[in-house]
Amino acid sequence: MPRVRLALAGALAGIAALTACSSSSDGADSGSSPKGGDKLAAAPAAKPITKALTQAQLTQALPGDGEMLPGWALHGDKDVTEGQYCNSSDKESAPAGWVRGGDSSYEYNGSTNNMAYVGICLFDSEENAHAIYTEWKGTETNKQQVPKPAVGDESILVINPGASEDTVYGYVRSGKVNIRVRIEGGTGDDPSGAQATMTATLKRLQQLQDNKAATVTAPDEQVTATN
């Protein structure tokens, strides 16, 4: 799905040019990331993504129809991400330590006037995942918000980066995996949908790492966040 990949790459370009629900498996404070993440407060302990998940598992982790936010449906099929699309936008090669990735796009109420995107990138180490996470989130600190509760080892929401409007970006690192979410259309002042999507995607990865079915959905996480 080249168009989807180009859209994702373009989104990253806007951030790079202008601009964690995991922790250690021994139950340590999830705010104690060795990489110095963006968290302000600790979240419940959970297993970071440390296994070399398969391509099929990455595909399963991407939300499908009925698993994305209300009104959003898959636009085409879930896709395999080529290495360069897990890198920063100004590089045409796979980033250091990249293993594999998957991405999907969504249309709103049957229209492509507004779109949403989810991408998962697996690396061979936390260090390499952290390096790309840092590039993804950009430098527009005045537009960044730390999710509450925090997601994964490192997480950030970026509201209307660059010259964008009504768009929210979400970035997460959990162990060796990075997740990025982009939601367009009427979300510029409400990042809750992006946060619910990236939290659900991470929890689905954690379920698959534990050899369980991926059952968590973005609507589940929206309900949890409001209770």
Protein backbone atom coordinates (compact mmCIF):
# COMPACT_ATOMS: atom_id res chain seq x y z
CA MET A 1 0.00 0.00 0.00
CA PRO A 2 2.50 2.67 -1.23
CA ARG A 3 0.03 5.55 -0.71
CA VAL A 4 -0.34 4.74 2.96
CA ARG A 5 3.38 4.46 3.45
CA LEU A 6 3.97 7.76 1.70
CA ALA A 7 1.34 9.39 3.91
CA LEU A 8 3.08 8.08 7.01
CA ALA A 9 6.46 9.19 5.77
CA GLY A 10 5.07 12.62 4.93
CA ALA A 11 3.60 12.97 8.38
CA LEU A 12 6.97 12.26 9.94
CA ALA A 13 8.59 14.82 7.66
CA GLY A 14 6.44 17.59 9.13
CA ILE A 15 7.61 16.75 12.61
CA ALA A 16 11.27 16.11 11.88
CA ALA A 17 11.67 19.29 9.92
CA LEU A 18 9.95 21.61 12.40
CA THR A 19 10.12 20.10 15.26
CA ALA A 20 5.82 4.67 27.57
CA CYS A 21 1.94 0.91 29.46
CA SER A 22 5.28 -1.04 29.91
CA SER A 23 8.21 -1.50 32.25
CA SER A 24 10.60 -4.22 33.29
CA SER A 25 9.16 -7.72 33.62
CA ASP A 26 10.31 -7.95 37.21
CA GLY A 27 7.59 -5.47 38.24
CA ALA A 28 9.84 -2.42 38.56
CA ASP A 29 8.41 1.09 38.37
CA SER A 30 7.52 1.65 34.72
CA GLY A 31 8.75 5.25 34.96
CA SER A 32 12.32 4.03 35.42
CA SER A 33 13.15 3.69 31.72
CA PRO A 34 16.93 3.58 31.21
CA LYS A 35 16.46 5.90 28.27
CA GLY A 36 14.93 8.75 30.24
CA GLY A 37 11.49 8.80 28.64
CA ASP A 38 8.81 11.46 28.66
CA LYS A 39 6.84 10.12 31.60
CA LEU A 40 5.87 12.34 34.48
CA ALA A 41 4.44 9.62 36.70
CA ALA A 42 4.68 5.86 37.08
CA ALA A 43 2.12 3.58 35.46
CA PRO A 44 1.24 0.04 36.51
CA ALA A 45 4.02 -2.43 35.85
CA ALA A 46 3.71 -4.41 32.62
CA LYS A 47 5.97 -6.42 30.37
CA PRO A 48 7.85 -4.45 27.72
CA ILE A 49 8.01 -5.91 24.23
CA THR A 50 11.24 -7.91 24.21
CA LYS A 51 10.49 -10.83 21.89
CA ALA A 52 11.23 -10.88 18.17
CA LEU A 53 7.55 -10.86 17.22
CA THR A 54 6.70 -12.30 13.82
CA GLN A 55 5.26 -10.37 10.90
CA ALA A 56 1.95 -12.12 11.48
CA GLN A 57 1.92 -10.96 15.10
CA LEU A 58 2.60 -7.36 14.13
CA THR A 59 -0.27 -7.57 11.66
CA GLN A 60 -2.60 -8.98 14.31
CA ALA A 61 -1.64 -6.22 16.73
CA LEU A 62 -2.82 -3.51 14.32
CA PRO A 63 -6.47 -2.69 15.12
CA GLY A 64 -8.96 -4.08 12.63
CA ASP A 65 -12.57 -3.23 11.89
CA GLY A 66 -14.49 -2.97 15.14
CA GLU A 67 -11.23 -2.58 17.07
CA MET A 68 -10.44 1.00 16.05
CA LEU A 69 -12.18 4.09 17.41
CA PRO A 70 -15.91 4.49 16.65
CA GLY A 71 -16.51 5.61 13.07
CA TRP A 72 -13.10 4.48 11.82
CA ALA A 73 -12.79 1.47 9.50
CA LEU A 74 -9.83 -0.10 7.72
CA HIS A 75 -8.95 1.55 4.45
CA GLY A 76 -7.73 -1.40 2.39
CA ASP A 77 -5.65 -4.08 4.06
CA LYS A 78 -3.08 -4.08 6.83
CA ASP A 79 0.33 -3.81 5.23
CA VAL A 80 3.96 -4.85 5.72
CA THR A 81 6.16 -1.81 6.36
CA GLU A 82 9.42 -1.51 4.48
CA GLY A 83 12.45 -0.53 6.54
CA GLN A 84 12.85 3.04 5.35
CA TYR A 85 9.36 3.91 6.58
CA CYS A 86 10.45 3.13 10.14
CA ASN A 87 13.29 5.62 9.83
CA SER A 88 13.14 9.38 10.10
CA SER A 89 11.67 10.93 6.97
CA ASP A 90 14.90 12.33 5.56
CA LYS A 91 16.52 8.88 5.26
CA GLU A 92 15.86 6.36 2.51
CA SER A 93 17.32 3.31 4.23
CA ALA A 94 16.19 1.11 7.08
CA PRO A 95 17.26 2.49 10.48
CA ALA A 96 19.93 0.77 12.55
CA GLY A 97 18.64 -2.42 14.15
CA TRP A 98 15.34 -2.47 12.26
CA VAL A 99 13.79 -5.95 12.10
CA ARG A 100 10.28 -5.60 10.63
CA GLY A 101 7.14 -3.50 10.75
CA GLY A 102 3.47 -3.25 9.92
CA ASP A 103 1.05 -0.40 9.23
CA SER A 104 -2.62 0.25 8.58
CA SER A 105 -4.83 3.17 7.59
CA TYR A 106 -8.44 4.00 8.43
CA GLU A 107 -11.17 6.14 6.89
CA TYR A 108 -13.87 7.95 8.85
CA ASN A 109 -17.50 7.03 8.21
CA GLY A 110 -16.65 5.76 4.74
CA SER A 111 -14.83 8.93 3.69
CA THR A 112 -11.14 9.55 3.09
CA ASN A 113 -11.51 13.25 3.88
CA ASN A 114 -10.22 12.33 7.32
CA MET A 115 -7.74 9.52 7.83
CA ALA A 116 -6.00 7.72 10.70
CA TYR A 117 -2.79 5.71 10.60
CA VAL A 118 -1.15 3.18 12.92
CA GLY A 119 2.39 1.84 12.48
CA ILE A 120 4.48 -0.67 14.43
CA CYS A 121 8.26 -0.95 14.05
CA LEU A 122 10.30 -3.72 15.69
CA PHE A 123 14.02 -3.28 16.42
CA ASP A 124 16.77 -5.59 17.67
CA SER A 125 17.39 -3.58 20.86
CA GLU A 126 15.87 -0.98 23.14
CA GLU A 127 18.69 1.39 22.25
CA ASN A 128 17.90 1.36 18.54
CA ALA A 129 14.17 1.68 19.17
CA HIS A 130 14.80 4.63 21.49
CA ALA A 131 16.95 6.41 18.92
CA ILE A 132 14.17 6.34 16.32
CA TYR A 133 11.46 7.18 18.87
CA THR A 134 13.42 10.32 19.69
CA GLU A 135 13.60 11.32 16.04
CA TRP A 136 9.91 10.59 15.46
CA LYS A 137 8.61 12.81 18.25
CA GLY A 138 10.47 15.86 16.95
CA THR A 139 11.50 18.98 18.84
CA GLU A 140 8.32 21.07 19.06
CA THR A 141 8.13 20.75 22.82
CA ASN A 142 5.45 23.44 23.03
CA LYS A 143 3.11 21.07 21.14
CA GLN A 144 3.95 17.92 23.11
CA GLN A 145 1.83 16.42 25.90
CA VAL A 146 2.75 13.49 28.10
CA PRO A 147 -0.11 10.95 28.14
CA LYS A 148 -1.80 10.43 31.50
CA PRO A 149 -1.50 7.65 32.38
CA ALA A 150 1.74 7.19 30.50
CA VAL A 151 2.04 4.46 27.90
CA GLY A 152 4.96 2.05 27.54
CA ASP A 153 8.52 2.98 28.46
CA GLU A 154 8.36 6.31 26.63
CA SER A 155 5.34 8.07 25.17
CA ILE A 156 4.32 11.46 23.85
CA LEU A 157 1.38 13.12 22.13
CA VAL A 158 2.13 15.89 19.63
CA ILE A 159 -0.73 18.26 18.90
CA ASN A 160 -0.80 19.87 15.43
CA PRO A 161 2.93 19.64 14.69
CA GLY A 162 4.38 21.85 12.00
CA ALA A 163 1.63 23.58 10.05
CA SER A 164 -0.96 20.85 10.56
CA GLU A 165 -4.43 21.49 11.98
CA ASP A 166 -6.88 19.18 13.76
CA THR A 167 -4.25 16.44 13.82
CA VAL A 168 -2.79 14.47 16.71
CA TYR A 169 0.31 12.30 16.60
CA GLY A 170 1.16 9.69 19.24
CA TYR A 171 4.49 7.93 19.71
CA VAL A 172 5.31 5.04 22.05
CA ARG A 173 8.35 2.92 22.77
CA SER A 174 7.96 -0.33 24.71
CA GLY A 175 11.12 -2.38 24.92
CA LYS A 176 12.21 -3.02 21.33
CA VAL A 177 9.01 -1.84 19.65
CA ASN A 178 7.92 1.63 18.54
CA ILE A 179 4.29 2.53 17.79
CA ARG A 180 3.13 5.65 16.00
CA VAL A 181 -0.42 6.89 15.60
CA ARG A 182 -1.75 9.77 13.53
CA ILE A 183 -5.38 10.87 13.58
CA GLU A 184 -6.69 13.66 11.36
CA GLY A 185 -9.89 15.64 11.49
CA GLY A 186 -11.40 17.43 14.45
CA THR A 187 -8.91 16.01 16.94
CA GLY A 188 -6.57 18.95 17.30
CA ASP A 189 -7.92 19.84 20.73
CA ASP A 190 -8.66 16.26 21.87
CA PRO A 191 -5.79 13.77 21.91
CA SER A 192 -7.77 11.11 23.79
CA GLY A 193 -8.49 9.09 20.64
CA ALA A 194 -4.83 8.91 19.69
CA GLN A 195 -3.92 7.89 23.23
CA ALA A 196 -6.59 5.16 23.31
CA THR A 197 -5.36 3.84 19.96
CA MET A 198 -1.70 3.64 20.91
CA THR A 199 -2.52 2.13 24.31
CA ALA A 200 -4.71 -0.53 22.70
CA THR A 201 -2.07 -1.34 20.09
CA LEU A 202 0.58 -1.80 22.77
CA LYS A 203 -1.69 -4.01 24.88
CA ARG A 204 -2.44 -6.12 21.81
CA LEU A 205 1.31 -6.58 21.28
CA GLN A 206 1.69 -7.58 24.92
CA GLN A 207 -1.11 -10.16 24.57
CA LEU A 208 0.55 -11.64 21.49
CA GLN A 209 3.95 -11.71 23.22
CA ASP A 210 2.28 -13.82 25.93
CA ASN A 211 0.91 -16.17 23.25
CA LYS A 212 -2.64 -14.91 23.70
CA ALA A 213 -5.10 -13.57 21.18
CA ALA A 214 -5.08 -9.82 20.55
CA THR A 215 -8.43 -8.75 22.00
CA VAL A 216 -7.95 -5.23 23.40
CA THR A 217 -9.62 -2.48 21.36
CA ALA A 218 -9.34 1.28 21.18
CA PRO A 219 -12.96 1.72 22.39
CA ASP A 220 -12.03 -0.44 25.42
CA GLU A 221 -9.25 1.99 26.25
CA GLN A 222 -11.45 5.05 25.75
CA VAL A 223 -13.95 3.65 28.26
CA THR A 224 -11.17 2.82 30.73
CA ALA A 225 -9.72 6.31 30.45
CA THR A 226 -13.04 7.98 31.27
CA ASN A 227 -13.81 5.78 34.28
